């Protein structure tokens, strides 16, 4: 007895998301240079992409069933809001770290000794 097609698709999407997180983890662990929160930004984009896939799947399933689940109307936007706010926060954090790095690596301008 095989699985229904939508279960196969859902499983494939979950495997793809898991492989993306595994690849990201391997990339982050193998970096020798400071990341300056680049890893957090990538994780934020991965989270937002995973939410988008989840929301699309929930929309497709709800449409096929011709029935709206009230919990979905709360959970999907809430998770999307968390993903967007988290991505925004880490992008600001990275920008601040990069600005600070540029300040610290800038050559000081010494007054002329004439």
N, C-alpha and C. Protein backbone atom coordinates (compact mmCIF):
# COMPACT_ATOMS: atom_id res chain seq x y z
N UNK A 1 0.85 -1.18 0.00
CA UNK A 1 0.00 0.00 0.00
C UNK A 1 0.90 1.25 0.00
N UNK A 2 0.74 2.10 -0.99
CA UNK A 2 1.57 3.29 -1.11
C UNK A 2 0.97 4.48 -0.39
N UNK A 3 1.79 5.50 -0.28
CA UNK A 3 1.34 6.74 0.34
C UNK A 3 0.57 7.57 -0.68
N UNK A 4 -0.36 8.40 -0.20
CA UNK A 4 -1.06 9.31 -1.11
C UNK A 4 -0.08 10.31 -1.72
N UNK A 5 -0.38 10.81 -2.91
CA UNK A 5 0.54 11.75 -3.58
C UNK A 5 0.87 12.99 -2.75
N UNK A 6 -0.13 13.55 -2.08
CA UNK A 6 0.18 14.77 -1.31
C UNK A 6 1.10 14.47 -0.14
N UNK A 7 1.04 13.26 0.42
CA UNK A 7 1.96 12.88 1.49
C UNK A 7 3.37 12.75 0.94
N UNK A 8 3.50 12.19 -0.25
CA UNK A 8 4.81 12.07 -0.89
C UNK A 8 5.40 13.46 -1.15
N UNK A 9 4.58 14.37 -1.63
CA UNK A 9 5.05 15.73 -1.90
C UNK A 9 5.47 16.42 -0.60
N UNK A 10 4.65 16.28 0.43
CA UNK A 10 4.98 16.90 1.72
C UNK A 10 6.29 16.33 2.27
N UNK A 11 6.46 15.03 2.16
CA UNK A 11 7.68 14.41 2.63
C UNK A 11 8.88 14.90 1.84
N UNK A 12 8.74 15.01 0.53
CA UNK A 12 9.84 15.50 -0.31
C UNK A 12 10.22 16.93 0.06
N UNK A 13 9.21 17.76 0.34
CA UNK A 13 9.49 19.14 0.73
C UNK A 13 10.21 19.17 2.07
N UNK A 14 9.78 18.36 3.02
CA UNK A 14 10.45 18.31 4.32
C UNK A 14 11.89 17.82 4.18
N UNK A 15 12.12 16.85 3.34
CA UNK A 15 13.49 16.37 3.10
C UNK A 15 14.33 17.48 2.47
N UNK A 16 13.78 18.21 1.52
CA UNK A 16 14.51 19.30 0.88
C UNK A 16 14.86 20.39 1.89
N UNK A 17 13.93 20.75 2.75
CA UNK A 17 14.20 21.76 3.77
C UNK A 17 15.27 21.25 4.73
N UNK A 18 15.18 20.00 5.12
CA UNK A 18 16.19 19.42 6.01
C UNK A 18 17.57 19.40 5.37
N UNK A 19 17.64 19.05 4.10
CA UNK A 19 18.93 19.06 3.40
C UNK A 19 19.49 20.47 3.28
N UNK A 20 18.61 21.45 3.07
CA UNK A 20 19.08 22.85 3.02
C UNK A 20 19.68 23.27 4.35
N UNK A 21 19.03 22.91 5.45
CA UNK A 21 19.56 23.24 6.77
C UNK A 21 20.88 22.51 7.03
N UNK A 22 20.98 21.24 6.59
CA UNK A 22 22.23 20.49 6.77
C UNK A 22 23.36 21.12 5.97
N UNK A 23 23.08 21.51 4.74
CA UNK A 23 24.10 22.16 3.91
C UNK A 23 24.52 23.49 4.53
N UNK A 24 23.57 24.24 5.03
CA UNK A 24 23.88 25.51 5.70
C UNK A 24 24.75 25.27 6.92
N UNK A 25 24.41 24.27 7.71
CA UNK A 25 25.21 23.96 8.90
C UNK A 25 26.63 23.57 8.55
N UNK A 26 26.78 22.76 7.51
CA UNK A 26 28.12 22.38 7.07
C UNK A 26 28.90 23.59 6.59
N UNK A 27 28.25 24.46 5.86
CA UNK A 27 28.92 25.68 5.38
C UNK A 27 29.36 26.55 6.55
N UNK A 28 28.47 26.74 7.53
CA UNK A 28 28.78 27.62 8.66
C UNK A 28 29.92 27.06 9.50
N UNK A 29 29.98 25.75 9.65
CA UNK A 29 31.02 25.13 10.48
C UNK A 29 32.38 25.18 9.79
N UNK A 30 32.40 25.15 8.48
CA UNK A 30 33.68 25.09 7.77
C UNK A 30 34.28 26.46 7.49
N UNK A 31 33.62 27.55 7.81
CA UNK A 31 34.17 28.88 7.58
C UNK A 31 35.24 29.17 8.62
N UNK A 32 36.38 29.65 8.16
CA UNK A 32 37.45 30.01 9.09
C UNK A 32 37.46 31.51 9.37
N UNK A 33 36.94 32.28 8.46
CA UNK A 33 36.90 33.73 8.64
C UNK A 33 35.65 34.10 9.44
N UNK A 34 35.69 35.23 10.13
CA UNK A 34 34.49 35.68 10.85
C UNK A 34 33.33 35.89 9.88
N UNK A 35 32.16 35.48 10.28
CA UNK A 35 30.99 35.56 9.41
C UNK A 35 30.26 36.90 9.53
N UNK A 36 30.48 37.64 10.62
CA UNK A 36 29.80 38.91 10.83
C UNK A 36 28.29 38.77 10.64
N UNK A 37 27.74 37.72 11.23
CA UNK A 37 26.30 37.45 11.27
C UNK A 37 25.73 37.08 9.90
N UNK A 38 26.59 36.79 8.92
CA UNK A 38 26.09 36.34 7.62
C UNK A 38 25.32 35.03 7.78
N UNK A 39 25.79 34.18 8.69
CA UNK A 39 25.11 32.90 8.93
C UNK A 39 23.70 33.12 9.46
N UNK A 40 23.51 34.14 10.27
CA UNK A 40 22.17 34.42 10.80
C UNK A 40 21.23 34.92 9.70
N UNK A 41 21.77 35.71 8.79
CA UNK A 41 20.95 36.20 7.68
C UNK A 41 20.53 35.04 6.78
N UNK A 42 21.46 34.15 6.49
CA UNK A 42 21.13 32.99 5.67
C UNK A 42 20.11 32.12 6.37
N UNK A 43 20.26 31.92 7.68
CA UNK A 43 19.29 31.14 8.44
C UNK A 43 17.91 31.82 8.42
N UNK A 44 17.90 33.14 8.48
CA UNK A 44 16.63 33.87 8.39
C UNK A 44 15.94 33.65 7.06
N UNK A 45 16.72 33.69 5.97
CA UNK A 45 16.14 33.44 4.64
C UNK A 45 15.67 31.99 4.51
N UNK A 46 16.42 31.05 5.08
CA UNK A 46 15.97 29.65 5.05
C UNK A 46 14.65 29.48 5.81
N UNK A 47 14.56 30.13 6.97
CA UNK A 47 13.33 30.06 7.74
C UNK A 47 12.14 30.67 7.00
N UNK A 48 12.37 31.79 6.36
CA UNK A 48 11.30 32.44 5.59
C UNK A 48 10.88 31.58 4.40
N UNK A 49 11.85 30.95 3.74
CA UNK A 49 11.54 30.06 2.62
C UNK A 49 10.75 28.84 3.09
N UNK A 50 11.16 28.27 4.23
CA UNK A 50 10.43 27.12 4.77
C UNK A 50 9.00 27.51 5.12
N UNK A 51 8.82 28.71 5.68
CA UNK A 51 7.47 29.17 5.99
C UNK A 51 6.65 29.34 4.71
N UNK A 52 7.28 29.89 3.69
CA UNK A 52 6.57 30.10 2.42
C UNK A 52 6.12 28.77 1.82
N UNK A 53 6.97 27.77 1.88
CA UNK A 53 6.59 26.44 1.41
C UNK A 53 5.44 25.86 2.23
N UNK A 54 5.51 26.04 3.55
CA UNK A 54 4.45 25.57 4.44
C UNK A 54 3.13 26.28 4.13
N UNK A 55 3.19 27.60 3.97
CA UNK A 55 1.97 28.37 3.70
C UNK A 55 1.37 27.98 2.35
N UNK A 56 2.22 27.77 1.36
CA UNK A 56 1.73 27.35 0.05
C UNK A 56 1.08 25.98 0.13
N UNK A 57 1.71 25.05 0.83
CA UNK A 57 1.14 23.72 1.01
C UNK A 57 -0.18 23.76 1.75
N UNK A 58 -0.25 24.57 2.80
CA UNK A 58 -1.49 24.69 3.56
C UNK A 58 -2.60 25.28 2.69
N UNK A 59 -2.26 26.25 1.85
CA UNK A 59 -3.24 26.86 0.96
C UNK A 59 -3.75 25.84 -0.07
N UNK A 60 -2.83 25.07 -0.63
CA UNK A 60 -3.23 24.06 -1.61
C UNK A 60 -4.14 23.01 -0.97
N UNK A 61 -3.76 22.51 0.19
CA UNK A 61 -4.57 21.49 0.86
C UNK A 61 -5.94 22.04 1.25
N UNK A 62 -5.96 23.27 1.76
CA UNK A 62 -7.24 23.88 2.14
C UNK A 62 -8.12 24.07 0.91
N UNK A 63 -7.53 24.47 -0.20
CA UNK A 63 -8.31 24.66 -1.43
C UNK A 63 -8.87 23.34 -1.93
N UNK A 64 -8.05 22.29 -1.88
CA UNK A 64 -8.52 20.99 -2.36
C UNK A 64 -9.61 20.41 -1.47
N UNK A 65 -9.56 20.70 -0.20
CA UNK A 65 -10.58 20.17 0.73
C UNK A 65 -11.85 21.02 0.74
N UNK A 66 -11.79 22.22 0.23
CA UNK A 66 -12.93 23.16 0.24
C UNK A 66 -13.38 23.44 1.67
N UNK A 67 -12.40 23.46 2.59
CA UNK A 67 -12.73 23.72 4.00
C UNK A 67 -11.58 24.48 4.64
N UNK A 68 -11.90 25.59 5.29
CA UNK A 68 -10.88 26.40 5.95
C UNK A 68 -10.81 26.00 7.42
N UNK A 69 -9.60 25.70 7.86
CA UNK A 69 -9.38 25.40 9.27
C UNK A 69 -9.11 26.71 10.01
N UNK A 70 -9.86 27.01 11.07
CA UNK A 70 -9.65 28.28 11.78
C UNK A 70 -8.26 28.40 12.38
N UNK A 71 -7.69 27.28 12.80
CA UNK A 71 -6.35 27.33 13.40
C UNK A 71 -5.31 27.79 12.38
N UNK A 72 -5.52 27.36 11.14
CA UNK A 72 -4.58 27.76 10.09
C UNK A 72 -4.59 29.26 9.87
N UNK A 73 -5.75 29.87 10.03
CA UNK A 73 -5.86 31.32 9.85
C UNK A 73 -5.08 32.08 10.90
N UNK A 74 -4.78 31.43 12.02
CA UNK A 74 -3.99 32.05 13.08
C UNK A 74 -2.52 31.66 12.96
N UNK A 75 -2.27 30.37 12.78
CA UNK A 75 -0.91 29.85 12.82
C UNK A 75 -0.07 30.31 11.64
N UNK A 76 -0.60 30.23 10.44
CA UNK A 76 0.20 30.58 9.25
C UNK A 76 0.65 32.04 9.26
N UNK A 77 -0.25 33.01 9.47
CA UNK A 77 0.24 34.40 9.53
C UNK A 77 1.17 34.66 10.71
N UNK A 78 0.91 34.00 11.84
CA UNK A 78 1.78 34.21 13.00
C UNK A 78 3.20 33.71 12.72
N UNK A 79 3.32 32.53 12.14
CA UNK A 79 4.64 32.01 11.80
C UNK A 79 5.32 32.87 10.74
N UNK A 80 4.56 33.35 9.78
CA UNK A 80 5.13 34.24 8.76
C UNK A 80 5.62 35.54 9.37
N UNK A 81 4.85 36.08 10.30
CA UNK A 81 5.27 37.31 10.98
C UNK A 81 6.56 37.12 11.76
N UNK A 82 6.66 36.00 12.46
CA UNK A 82 7.88 35.70 13.22
C UNK A 82 9.07 35.58 12.26
N UNK A 83 8.88 34.89 11.15
CA UNK A 83 9.97 34.71 10.19
C UNK A 83 10.43 36.05 9.61
N UNK A 84 9.49 36.90 9.27
CA UNK A 84 9.84 38.20 8.69
C UNK A 84 10.53 39.09 9.72
N UNK A 85 9.99 39.13 10.94
CA UNK A 85 10.60 39.96 11.98
C UNK A 85 12.00 39.47 12.34
N UNK A 86 12.18 38.17 12.38
CA UNK A 86 13.50 37.62 12.70
C UNK A 86 14.51 37.95 11.60
N UNK A 87 14.09 37.82 10.36
CA UNK A 87 14.99 38.16 9.25
C UNK A 87 15.36 39.64 9.29
N UNK A 88 14.39 40.47 9.56
CA UNK A 88 14.66 41.91 9.64
C UNK A 88 15.66 42.22 10.76
N UNK A 89 15.48 41.57 11.91
CA UNK A 89 16.37 41.81 13.04
C UNK A 89 17.80 41.37 12.74
N UNK A 90 17.96 40.22 12.12
CA UNK A 90 19.32 39.75 11.85
C UNK A 90 19.99 40.56 10.75
N UNK A 91 19.21 41.07 9.80
CA UNK A 91 19.81 41.93 8.78
C UNK A 91 20.32 43.23 9.38
N UNK A 92 19.56 43.79 10.32
CA UNK A 92 20.02 45.01 11.01
C UNK A 92 21.24 44.71 11.86
N UNK A 93 21.25 43.57 12.51
CA UNK A 93 22.39 43.17 13.33
C UNK A 93 23.64 43.02 12.48
N UNK A 94 23.50 42.39 11.33
CA UNK A 94 24.66 42.22 10.43
C UNK A 94 25.15 43.56 9.93
N UNK A 95 24.22 44.44 9.56
CA UNK A 95 24.62 45.76 9.06
C UNK A 95 25.41 46.52 10.13
N UNK A 96 24.97 46.42 11.39
CA UNK A 96 25.68 47.09 12.47
C UNK A 96 27.08 46.50 12.66
N UNK A 97 27.19 45.19 12.58
CA UNK A 97 28.50 44.55 12.72
C UNK A 97 29.44 44.94 11.58
N UNK A 98 28.93 44.99 10.37
CA UNK A 98 29.76 45.36 9.22
C UNK A 98 30.20 46.81 9.34
N UNK A 99 29.28 47.69 9.77
CA UNK A 99 29.66 49.10 9.98
C UNK A 99 30.75 49.22 11.03
N UNK A 100 30.62 48.46 12.11
CA UNK A 100 31.62 48.51 13.19
C UNK A 100 32.96 47.98 12.69
N UNK A 101 32.94 46.93 11.89
CA UNK A 101 34.18 46.38 11.33
C UNK A 101 34.87 47.42 10.47
N UNK A 102 34.08 48.12 9.64
CA UNK A 102 34.67 49.16 8.78
C UNK A 102 35.26 50.30 9.60
N UNK A 103 34.61 50.65 10.69
CA UNK A 103 35.14 51.69 11.56
C UNK A 103 36.47 51.27 12.18
N UNK A 104 36.55 50.03 12.59
CA UNK A 104 37.76 49.56 13.26
C UNK A 104 38.91 49.29 12.30
N UNK A 105 38.62 48.99 11.05
CA UNK A 105 39.70 48.69 10.10
C UNK A 105 40.10 49.91 9.28
N UNK A 106 39.40 51.01 9.40
CA UNK A 106 39.74 52.22 8.67
C UNK A 106 41.07 52.77 9.20
N UNK A 107 41.89 53.24 8.30
CA UNK A 107 43.17 53.81 8.72
C UNK A 107 42.92 55.15 9.41
N UNK A 108 43.53 55.34 10.55
CA UNK A 108 43.34 56.64 11.21
C UNK A 108 44.05 57.75 10.43
N UNK A 109 43.44 58.89 10.44
CA UNK A 109 44.04 60.04 9.76
C UNK A 109 44.83 60.83 10.80
N UNK A 110 46.15 60.74 10.69
CA UNK A 110 47.01 61.43 11.62
C UNK A 110 47.25 62.86 11.14
N UNK A 111 47.29 63.76 12.07
CA UNK A 111 47.57 65.15 11.65
C UNK A 111 49.00 65.25 11.07
N UNK A 112 49.11 66.10 10.16
CA UNK A 112 50.40 66.29 9.51
C UNK A 112 51.39 66.92 10.48
N UNK A 113 52.66 66.51 10.43
CA UNK A 113 53.67 66.99 11.37
C UNK A 113 54.51 68.12 10.77
N UNK A 114 53.99 68.89 9.92
CA UNK A 114 54.72 69.98 9.30
C UNK A 114 54.82 71.15 10.20
